[in-house]
PDB file of all heavy atoms in Angstrom:
ATOM      1  N   HIS A   1     126.847 110.675 107.455  1.00  0.00           N
ATOM      2  CA  HIS A   1     125.517 111.083 108.046  1.00  0.00           C
ATOM      3  C   HIS A   1     124.554 111.034 106.848  1.00  0.00           C
ATOM      4  O   HIS A   1     124.856 111.571 105.683  1.00  0.00           O
ATOM      5  CB  HIS A   1     125.665 112.378 108.663  1.00  0.00           C
ATOM      6  CG  HIS A   1     124.297 112.918 109.172  1.00  0.00           C
ATOM      7  ND1 HIS A   1     123.745 112.539 110.352  1.00  0.00           N
ATOM      8  CD2 HIS A   1     123.393 113.659 108.526  1.00  0.00           C
ATOM      9  CE1 HIS A   1     122.604 113.025 110.496  1.00  0.00           C
ATOM     10  NE2 HIS A   1     122.268 113.739 109.396  1.00  0.00           N
ATOM     11  N   ASP A   2     123.457 110.656 107.189  1.00  0.00           N
ATOM     12  CA  ASP A   2     122.283 110.752 106.185  1.00  0.00           C
ATOM     13  C   ASP A   2     121.012 110.789 106.941  1.00  0.00           C
ATOM     14  O   ASP A   2     120.709 110.036 107.858  1.00  0.00           O
ATOM     15  CB  ASP A   2     122.253 109.577 105.252  1.00  0.00           C
ATOM     16  CG  ASP A   2     121.110 109.644 104.268  1.00  0.00           C
ATOM     17  OD1 ASP A   2     121.188 110.423 103.306  1.00  0.00           O
ATOM     18  OD2 ASP A   2     120.172 108.861 104.325  1.00  0.00           O
ATOM     19  N   ASN A   3     120.121 111.720 106.494  1.00  0.00           N
ATOM     20  CA  ASN A   3     118.743 111.820 107.100  1.00  0.00           C
ATOM     21  C   ASN A   3     117.932 112.122 105.837  1.00  0.00           C
ATOM     22  O   ASN A   3     118.170 113.170 105.131  1.00  0.00           O
ATOM     23  CB  ASN A   3     118.738 113.024 107.958  1.00  0.00           C
ATOM     24  CG  ASN A   3     117.326 113.040 108.667  1.00  0.00           C
ATOM     25  OD1 ASN A   3     116.918 112.051 109.294  1.00  0.00           O
ATOM     26  ND2 ASN A   3     116.561 114.094 108.436  1.00  0.00           N
ATOM     27  N   ALA A   4     116.962 111.289 105.630  1.00  0.00           N
ATOM     28  CA  ALA A   4     116.037 111.393 104.537  1.00  0.00           C
ATOM     29  C   ALA A   4     114.508 111.398 104.925  1.00  0.00           C
ATOM     30  O   ALA A   4     114.248 110.826 105.965  1.00  0.00           O
ATOM     31  CB  ALA A   4     116.261 110.244 103.508  1.00  0.00           C
ATOM     32  N   SER A   5     113.715 112.074 104.151  1.00  0.00           N
ATOM     33  CA  SER A   5     112.286 112.020 104.408  1.00  0.00           C
ATOM     34  C   SER A   5     111.590 112.108 103.030  1.00  0.00           C
ATOM     35  O   SER A   5     112.072 112.677 102.136  1.00  0.00           O
ATOM     36  CB  SER A   5     111.906 113.123 105.320  1.00  0.00           C
ATOM     37  OG  SER A   5     112.036 114.417 104.719  1.00  0.00           O
ATOM     38  N   MET A   6     110.400 111.510 103.069  1.00  0.00           N
ATOM     39  CA  MET A   6     109.510 111.520 101.990  1.00  0.00           C
ATOM     40  C   MET A   6     108.133 111.970 102.544  1.00  0.00           C
ATOM     41  O   MET A   6     107.738 111.370 103.548  1.00  0.00           O
ATOM     42  CB  MET A   6     109.399 110.165 101.307  1.00  0.00           C
ATOM     43  CG  MET A   6     110.601 109.666 100.636  1.00  0.00           C
ATOM     44  SD  MET A   6     110.261 108.031 100.021  1.00  0.00           S
ATOM     45  CE  MET A   6     111.712 107.794  98.950  1.00  0.00           C
ATOM     46  N   GLN A   7     107.407 112.907 101.838  1.00  0.00           N
ATOM     47  CA  GLN A   7     106.234 113.267 102.408  1.00  0.00           C
ATOM     48  C   GLN A   7     105.210 113.443 101.208  1.00  0.00           C
ATOM     49  O   GLN A   7     105.616 114.033 100.212  1.00  0.00           O
ATOM     50  CB  GLN A   7     106.371 114.531 103.289  1.00  0.00           C
ATOM     51  CG  GLN A   7     105.016 114.842 104.045  1.00  0.00           C
ATOM     52  CD  GLN A   7     105.277 115.718 105.156  1.00  0.00           C
ATOM     53  OE1 GLN A   7     106.307 116.306 105.394  1.00  0.00           O
ATOM     54  NE2 GLN A   7     104.247 115.936 105.914  1.00  0.00           N
ATOM     55  N   VAL A   8     103.943 113.143 101.409  1.00  0.00           N
ATOM     56  CA  VAL A   8     102.937 113.358 100.416  1.00  0.00           C
ATOM     57  C   VAL A   8     101.918 114.276 100.912  1.00  0.00           C
ATOM     58  O   VAL A   8     101.355 114.229 102.064  1.00  0.00           O
ATOM     59  CB  VAL A   8     102.188 111.922 100.122  1.00  0.00           C
ATOM     60  CG1 VAL A   8     101.210 112.108  99.097  1.00  0.00           C
ATOM     61  CG2 VAL A   8     103.226 110.935  99.839  1.00  0.00           C
ATOM     62  N   PHE A   9     101.569 115.296 100.087  1.00  0.00           N
ATOM     63  CA  PHE A   9     100.563 116.381 100.355  1.00  0.00           C
ATOM     64  C   PHE A   9      99.526 116.336  99.298  1.00  0.00           C
ATOM     65  O   PHE A   9      99.776 116.101  98.102  1.00  0.00           O
ATOM     66  CB  PHE A   9     101.227 117.754 100.337  1.00  0.00           C
ATOM     67  CG  PHE A   9     102.322 117.813 101.272  1.00  0.00           C
ATOM     68  CD1 PHE A   9     103.652 117.608 100.908  1.00  0.00           C
ATOM     69  CD2 PHE A   9     102.150 118.326 102.539  1.00  0.00           C
ATOM     70  CE1 PHE A   9     104.763 117.755 101.817  1.00  0.00           C
ATOM     71  CE2 PHE A   9     103.115 118.488 103.477  1.00  0.00           C
ATOM     72  CZ  PHE A   9     104.542 118.253 103.060  1.00  0.00           C
ATOM     73  N   PRO A  10      98.264 116.624  99.704  1.00  0.00           N
ATOM     74  CA  PRO A  10      97.273 116.810  98.742  1.00  0.00           C
ATOM     75  C   PRO A  10      97.521 118.020  97.785  1.00  0.00           C
ATOM     76  O   PRO A  10      98.148 119.033  98.258  1.00  0.00           O
ATOM     77  CB  PRO A  10      95.991 117.155  99.430  1.00  0.00           C
ATOM     78  CG  PRO A  10      96.161 116.739 100.928  1.00  0.00           C
ATOM     79  CD  PRO A  10      97.774 116.848 101.011  1.00  0.00           C
ATOM     80  N   HIS A  11      97.301 117.907  96.518  1.00  0.00           N
ATOM     81  CA  HIS A  11      97.518 119.005  95.581  1.00  0.00           C
ATOM     82  C   HIS A  11      96.381 119.101  94.662  1.00  0.00           C
ATOM     83  O   HIS A  11      96.418 118.634  93.492  1.00  0.00           O
ATOM     84  CB  HIS A  11      98.819 118.828  94.839  1.00  0.00           C
ATOM     85  CG  HIS A  11      99.291 119.948  93.961  1.00  0.00           C
ATOM     86  ND1 HIS A  11      99.901 121.059  94.544  1.00  0.00           N
ATOM     87  CD2 HIS A  11      99.191 120.197  92.698  1.00  0.00           C
ATOM     88  CE1 HIS A  11     100.241 121.949  93.656  1.00  0.00           C
ATOM     89  NE2 HIS A  11      99.731 121.460  92.475  1.00  0.00           N
ATOM     90  N   GLY A  12      95.275 119.773  95.060  1.00  0.00           N
ATOM     91  CA  GLY A  12      94.060 119.770  94.200  1.00  0.00           C
ATOM     92  C   GLY A  12      93.444 118.447  94.305  1.00  0.00           C
ATOM     93  O   GLY A  12      93.830 117.487  94.876  1.00  0.00           O
ATOM     94  N   GLU A  13      92.282 118.291  93.560  1.00  0.00           N
ATOM     95  CA  GLU A  13      91.431 117.166  93.528  1.00  0.00           C
ATOM     96  C   GLU A  13      92.161 116.038  92.817  1.00  0.00           C
ATOM     97  O   GLU A  13      92.494 116.078  91.747  1.00  0.00           O
ATOM     98  CB  GLU A  13      90.116 117.396  92.821  1.00  0.00           C
ATOM     99  CG  GLU A  13      89.182 116.280  92.895  1.00  0.00           C
ATOM    100  CD  GLU A  13      88.596 116.015  94.216  1.00  0.00           C
ATOM    101  OE1 GLU A  13      88.500 116.973  95.018  1.00  0.00           O
ATOM    102  OE2 GLU A  13      88.325 114.848  94.557  1.00  0.00           O
ATOM    103  N   GLY A  14      92.513 114.868  93.587  1.00  0.00           N
ATOM    104  CA  GLY A  14      93.126 113.634  92.985  1.00  0.00           C
ATOM    105  C   GLY A  14      94.516 113.855  92.607  1.00  0.00           C
ATOM    106  O   GLY A  14      95.021 112.929  91.892  1.00  0.00           O
ATOM    107  N   HIS A  15      95.226 114.825  93.100  1.00  0.00           N
ATOM    108  CA  HIS A  15      96.611 114.985  92.819  1.00  0.00           C
ATOM    109  C   HIS A  15      97.400 115.001  94.088  1.00  0.00           C
ATOM    110  O   HIS A  15      96.913 115.360  95.171  1.00  0.00           O
ATOM    111  CB  HIS A  15      96.863 116.258  91.995  1.00  0.00           C
ATOM    112  CG  HIS A  15      96.289 116.252  90.645  1.00  0.00           C
ATOM    113  ND1 HIS A  15      94.937 116.450  90.462  1.00  0.00           N
ATOM    114  CD2 HIS A  15      96.749 116.194  89.433  1.00  0.00           C
ATOM    115  CE1 HIS A  15      94.701 116.484  89.237  1.00  0.00           C
ATOM    116  NE2 HIS A  15      95.847 116.167  88.474  1.00  0.00           N
ATOM    117  N   SER A  16      98.746 114.738  94.013  1.00  0.00           N
ATOM    118  CA  SER A  16      99.635 114.788  95.097  1.00  0.00           C
ATOM    119  C   SER A  16     100.867 115.509  94.856  1.00  0.00           C
ATOM    120  O   SER A  16     101.342 115.569  93.722  1.00  0.00           O
ATOM    121  CB  SER A  16     100.016 113.382  95.384  1.00  0.00           C
ATOM    122  OG  SER A  16      98.996 112.521  95.653  1.00  0.00           O
ATOM    123  N   ARG A  17     101.360 116.157  95.832  1.00  0.00           N
ATOM    124  CA  ARG A  17     102.690 116.790  95.805  1.00  0.00           C
ATOM    125  C   ARG A  17     103.564 115.916  96.650  1.00  0.00           C
ATOM    126  O   ARG A  17     103.281 115.711  97.819  1.00  0.00           O
ATOM    127  CB  ARG A  17     102.629 118.208  96.296  1.00  0.00           C
ATOM    128  CG  ARG A  17     103.966 118.935  96.259  1.00  0.00           C
ATOM    129  CD  ARG A  17     103.865 120.410  96.513  1.00  0.00           C
ATOM    130  NE  ARG A  17     103.369 120.777  97.896  1.00  0.00           N
ATOM    131  CZ  ARG A  17     104.083 120.920  98.993  1.00  0.00           C
ATOM    132  NH1 ARG A  17     105.482 121.005  98.788  1.00  0.00           N
ATOM    133  NH2 ARG A  17     103.580 121.189 100.132  1.00  0.00           N
ATOM    134  N   PHE A  18     104.627 115.471  96.027  1.00  0.00           N
ATOM    135  CA  PHE A  18     105.479 114.591  96.745  1.00  0.00           C
ATOM    136  C   PHE A  18     106.879 115.312  96.917  1.00  0.00           C
ATOM    137  O   PHE A  18     107.407 115.864  95.934  1.00  0.00           O
ATOM    138  CB  PHE A  18     105.721 113.284  95.913  1.00  0.00           C
ATOM    139  CG  PHE A  18     106.765 112.306  96.458  1.00  0.00           C
ATOM    140  CD1 PHE A  18     106.243 111.495  97.626  1.00  0.00           C
ATOM    141  CD2 PHE A  18     107.951 112.102  96.001  1.00  0.00           C
ATOM    142  CE1 PHE A  18     107.108 110.569  98.114  1.00  0.00           C
ATOM    143  CE2 PHE A  18     108.869 111.178  96.578  1.00  0.00           C
ATOM    144  CZ  PHE A  18     108.294 110.434  97.686  1.00  0.00           C
ATOM    145  N   VAL A  19     107.396 115.267  98.193  1.00  0.00           N
ATOM    146  CA  VAL A  19     108.643 115.971  98.587  1.00  0.00           C
ATOM    147  C   VAL A  19     109.601 114.982  99.131  1.00  0.00           C
ATOM    148  O   VAL A  19     109.169 114.342 100.090  1.00  0.00           O
ATOM    149  CB  VAL A  19     108.408 117.132  99.554  1.00  0.00           C
ATOM    150  CG1 VAL A  19     109.616 117.785  99.980  1.00  0.00           C
ATOM    151  CG2 VAL A  19     107.384 118.072  98.980  1.00  0.00           C
ATOM    152  N   TRP A  20     110.785 114.941  98.635  1.00  0.00           N
ATOM    153  CA  TRP A  20     111.787 114.040  99.065  1.00  0.00           C
ATOM    154  C   TRP A  20     113.039 114.764  99.458  1.00  0.00           C
ATOM    155  O   TRP A  20     113.553 115.565  98.485  1.00  0.00           O
ATOM    156  CB  TRP A  20     112.070 113.006  97.935  1.00  0.00           C
ATOM    157  CG  TRP A  20     112.843 111.794  98.226  1.00  0.00           C
ATOM    158  CD1 TRP A  20     113.439 111.405  99.457  1.00  0.00           C
ATOM    159  CD2 TRP A  20     113.210 110.810  97.309  1.00  0.00           C
ATOM    160  NE1 TRP A  20     114.112 110.335  99.307  1.00  0.00           N
ATOM    161  CE2 TRP A  20     113.941 109.793  97.925  1.00  0.00           C
ATOM    162  CE3 TRP A  20     112.917 110.598  95.847  1.00  0.00           C
ATOM    163  CZ2 TRP A  20     114.456 108.734  97.378  1.00  0.00           C
ATOM    164  CZ3 TRP A  20     113.305 109.407  95.294  1.00  0.00           C
ATOM    165  CH2 TRP A  20     114.187 108.570  95.954  1.00  0.00           C
ATOM    166  N   ILE A  21     113.609 114.611 100.634  1.00  0.00           N
ATOM    167  CA  ILE A  21     114.755 115.386 101.042  1.00  0.00           C
ATOM    168  C   ILE A  21     115.802 114.352 101.632  1.00  0.00           C
ATOM    169  O   ILE A  21     115.445 113.471 102.313  1.00  0.00           O
ATOM    170  CB  ILE A  21     114.390 116.378 102.161  1.00  0.00           C
ATOM    171  CG1 ILE A  21     113.361 117.305 101.622  1.00  0.00           C
ATOM    172  CG2 ILE A  21     115.600 117.131 102.699  1.00  0.00           C
ATOM    173  CD1 ILE A  21     112.696 118.213 102.713  1.00  0.00           C
ATOM    174  N   HIS A  22     117.044 114.606 101.219  1.00  0.00           N
ATOM    175  CA  HIS A  22     118.157 113.915 101.772  1.00  0.00           C
ATOM    176  C   HIS A  22     119.209 114.877 102.248  1.00  0.00           C
ATOM    177  O   HIS A  22     119.619 115.792 101.499  1.00  0.00           O
ATOM    178  CB  HIS A  22     118.931 113.016 100.700  1.00  0.00           C
ATOM    179  CG  HIS A  22     118.623 111.624 100.713  1.00  0.00           C
ATOM    180  ND1 HIS A  22     119.086 110.758 101.527  1.00  0.00           N
ATOM    181  CD2 HIS A  22     117.791 110.955  99.908  1.00  0.00           C
ATOM    182  CE1 HIS A  22     118.698 109.461 101.205  1.00  0.00           C
ATOM    183  NE2 HIS A  22     117.777 109.595 100.216  1.00  0.00           N
ATOM    184  N   ASP A  23     119.492 114.933 103.526  1.00  0.00           N
ATOM    185  CA  ASP A  23     120.614 115.679 104.068  1.00  0.00           C
ATOM    186  C   ASP A  23     121.773 114.705 104.282  1.00  0.00           C
ATOM    187  O   ASP A  23     121.574 113.624 104.936  1.00  0.00           O
ATOM    188  CB  ASP A  23     120.220 116.281 105.401  1.00  0.00           C
ATOM    189  CG  ASP A  23     119.031 117.286 105.274  1.00  0.00           C
ATOM    190  OD1 ASP A  23     118.997 118.082 104.233  1.00  0.00           O
ATOM    191  OD2 ASP A  23     118.145 117.237 106.098  1.00  0.00           O
ATOM    192  N   VAL A  24     122.835 115.037 103.760  1.00  0.00           N
ATOM    193  CA  VAL A  24     124.006 113.980 103.646  1.00  0.00           C
ATOM    194  C   VAL A  24     125.413 114.596 103.837  1.00  0.00           C
ATOM    195  O   VAL A  24     125.588 115.713 103.392  1.00  0.00           O
ATOM    196  CB  VAL A  24     123.844 113.174 102.346  1.00  0.00           C
ATOM    197  CG1 VAL A  24     124.098 114.098 101.189  1.00  0.00           C
ATOM    198  CG2 VAL A  24     124.749 111.967 102.393  1.00  0.00           C
ATOM    199  N   ARG A  25     126.245 113.759 104.416  1.00  0.00           N
ATOM    200  CA  ARG A  25     127.574 114.007 104.533  1.00  0.00           C
ATOM    201  C   ARG A  25     128.369 112.783 104.051  1.00  0.00           C
ATOM    202  O   ARG A  25     127.964 111.726 104.446  1.00  0.00           O
ATOM    203  CB  ARG A  25     128.070 114.341 105.895  1.00  0.00           C
ATOM    204  CG  ARG A  25     127.773 115.818 106.319  1.00  0.00           C
ATOM    205  CD  ARG A  25     128.536 116.170 107.562  1.00  0.00           C
ATOM    206  NE  ARG A  25     128.417 117.603 107.757  1.00  0.00           N
ATOM    207  CZ  ARG A  25     128.093 118.067 108.979  1.00  0.00           C
ATOM    208  NH1 ARG A  25     128.005 117.318 110.056  1.00  0.00           N
ATOM    209  NH2 ARG A  25     127.945 119.397 109.103  1.00  0.00           N
ATOM    210  N   PRO A  26     129.417 112.844 103.325  1.00  0.00           N
ATOM    211  CA  PRO A  26     130.167 114.026 102.811  1.00  0.00           C
ATOM    212  C   PRO A  26     129.215 114.714 101.745  1.00  0.00           C
ATOM    213  O   PRO A  26     128.393 114.067 101.109  1.00  0.00           O
ATOM    214  CB  PRO A  26     131.461 113.501 102.233  1.00  0.00           C
ATOM    215  CG  PRO A  26     131.199 112.082 102.003  1.00  0.00           C
ATOM    216  CD  PRO A  26     130.213 111.616 102.994  1.00  0.00           C
ATOM    217  N   ASP A  27     129.449 115.978 101.650  1.00  0.00           N
ATOM    218  CA  ASP A  27     128.682 116.776 100.699  1.00  0.00           C
ATOM    219  C   ASP A  27     128.594 116.324  99.309  1.00  0.00           C
ATOM    220  O   ASP A  27     127.602 116.437  98.557  1.00  0.00           O
ATOM    221  CB  ASP A  27     129.244 118.241 100.650  1.00  0.00           C
ATOM    222  CG  ASP A  27     129.039 119.004 102.009  1.00  0.00           C
ATOM    223  OD1 ASP A  27     128.378 118.381 102.881  1.00  0.00           O
ATOM    224  OD2 ASP A  27     129.495 120.153 102.153  1.00  0.00           O
ATOM    225  N   GLU A  28     129.748 115.607  98.839  1.00  0.00           N
ATOM    226  CA  GLU A  28     129.763 115.173  97.389  1.00  0.00           C
ATOM    227  C   GLU A  28     128.704 114.048  97.120  1.00  0.00           C
ATOM    228  O   GLU A  28     128.423 113.950  95.958  1.00  0.00           O
ATOM    229  CB  GLU A  28     131.033 114.625  97.047  1.00  0.00           C
ATOM    230  CG  GLU A  28     132.396 114.689  97.600  1.00  0.00           C
ATOM    231  CD  GLU A  28     132.752 115.018  99.048  1.00  0.00           C
ATOM    232  OE1 GLU A  28     132.628 116.131  99.408  1.00  0.00           O
ATOM    233  OE2 GLU A  28     133.103 114.130  99.679  1.00  0.00           O
ATOM    234  N   LEU A  29     128.213 113.476  98.163  1.00  0.00           N
ATOM    235  CA  LEU A  29     127.120 112.422  97.897  1.00  0.00           C
ATOM    236  C   LEU A  29     125.796 113.115  97.453  1.00  0.00           C
ATOM    237  O   LEU A  29     124.933 112.430  96.882  1.00  0.00           O
ATOM    238  CB  LEU A  29     126.875 111.591  99.169  1.00  0.00           C
ATOM    239  CG  LEU A  29     128.013 110.510  99.415  1.00  0.00           C
ATOM    240  CD1 LEU A  29     127.693 109.719 100.740  1.00  0.00           C
ATOM    241  CD2 LEU A  29     128.130 109.529  98.209  1.00  0.00           C
ATOM    242  N   ALA A  30     125.637 114.393  97.786  1.00  0.00           N
ATOM    243  CA  ALA A  30     124.293 114.985  97.426  1.00  0.00           C
ATOM    244  C   ALA A  30     124.108 114.990  95.969  1.00  0.00           C
ATOM    245  O   ALA A  30     122.953 114.865  95.423  1.00  0.00           O
ATOM    246  CB  ALA A  30     124.310 116.394  97.972  1.00  0.00           C
ATOM    247  N   VAL A  31     125.144 115.136  95.105  1.00  0.00           N
ATOM    248  CA  VAL A  31     124.975 115.199  93.653  1.00  0.00           C
ATOM    249  C   VAL A  31     124.488 113.860  93.151  1.00  0.00           C
ATOM    250  O   VAL A  31     123.450 113.764  92.356  1.00  0.00           O
ATOM    251  CB  VAL A  31     126.268 115.639  93.001  1.00  0.00           C
ATOM    252  CG1 VAL A  31     126.154 115.551  91.461  1.00  0.00           C
ATOM    253  CG2 VAL A  31     126.525 117.089  93.359  1.00  0.00           C
ATOM    254  N   PRO A  32     125.192 112.691  93.331  1.00  0.00           N
ATOM    255  CA  PRO A  32     124.651 111.403  92.853  1.00  0.00           C
ATOM    256  C   PRO A  32     123.258 111.104  93.529  1.00  0.00           C
ATOM    257  O   PRO A  32     122.372 110.447  92.863  1.00  0.00           O
ATOM    258  CB  PRO A  32     125.721 110.415  93.141  1.00  0.00           C
ATOM    259  CG  PRO A  32     126.555 111.073  94.162  1.00  0.00           C
ATOM    260  CD  PRO A  32     126.537 112.532  93.984  1.00  0.00           C
ATOM    261  N   MET A  33     123.062 111.397  94.742  1.00  0.00           N
ATOM    262  CA  MET A  33     121.721 111.177  95.418  1.00  0.00           C
ATOM    263  C   MET A  33     120.717 111.948  94.676  1.00  0.00           C
ATOM    264  O   MET A  33     119.645 111.329  94.444  1.00  0.00           O
ATOM    265  CB  MET A  33     121.830 111.454  96.872  1.00  0.00           C
ATOM    266  CG  MET A  33     122.396 110.400  97.749  1.00  0.00           C
ATOM    267  SD  MET A  33     122.138 110.924  99.476  1.00  0.00           S
ATOM    268  CE  MET A  33     122.598 109.353 100.292  1.00  0.00           C
ATOM    269  N   GLY A  34     120.912 113.257  94.471  1.00  0.00           N
ATOM    270  CA  GLY A  34     119.895 113.976  93.831  1.00  0.00           C
ATOM    271  C   GLY A  34     119.627 113.486  92.347  1.00  0.00           C
ATOM    272  O   GLY A  34     118.349 113.391  92.042  1.00  0.00           O
ATOM    273  N   ALA A  35     120.644 113.000  91.660  1.00  0.00           N
ATOM    274  CA  ALA A  35     120.417 112.411  90.295  1.00  0.00           C
ATOM    275  C   ALA A  35     119.535 111.218  90.433  1.00  0.00           C
ATOM    276  O   ALA A  35     118.588 110.974  89.580  1.00  0.00           O
ATOM    277  CB  ALA A  35     121.725 112.234  89.634  1.00  0.00           C
ATOM    278  N   ALA A  36     119.848 110.358  91.332  1.00  0.00           N
ATOM    279  CA  ALA A  36     119.116 109.098  91.560  1.00  0.00           C
ATOM    280  C   ALA A  36     117.700 109.452  91.937  1.00  0.00           C
ATOM    281  O   ALA A  36     116.759 108.746  91.506  1.00  0.00           O
ATOM    282  CB  ALA A  36     119.780 108.199  92.585  1.00  0.00           C
TER     283      ALA A  36
END
């Protein structure tokens, strides 16, 4: 199972806050995914 999302938010004038989330099974994949 894998569900991922990327979202961009304004963060002050001319800046962005970028959020990237992966929910994954098996659990051990979260470590290499997070590093990548």
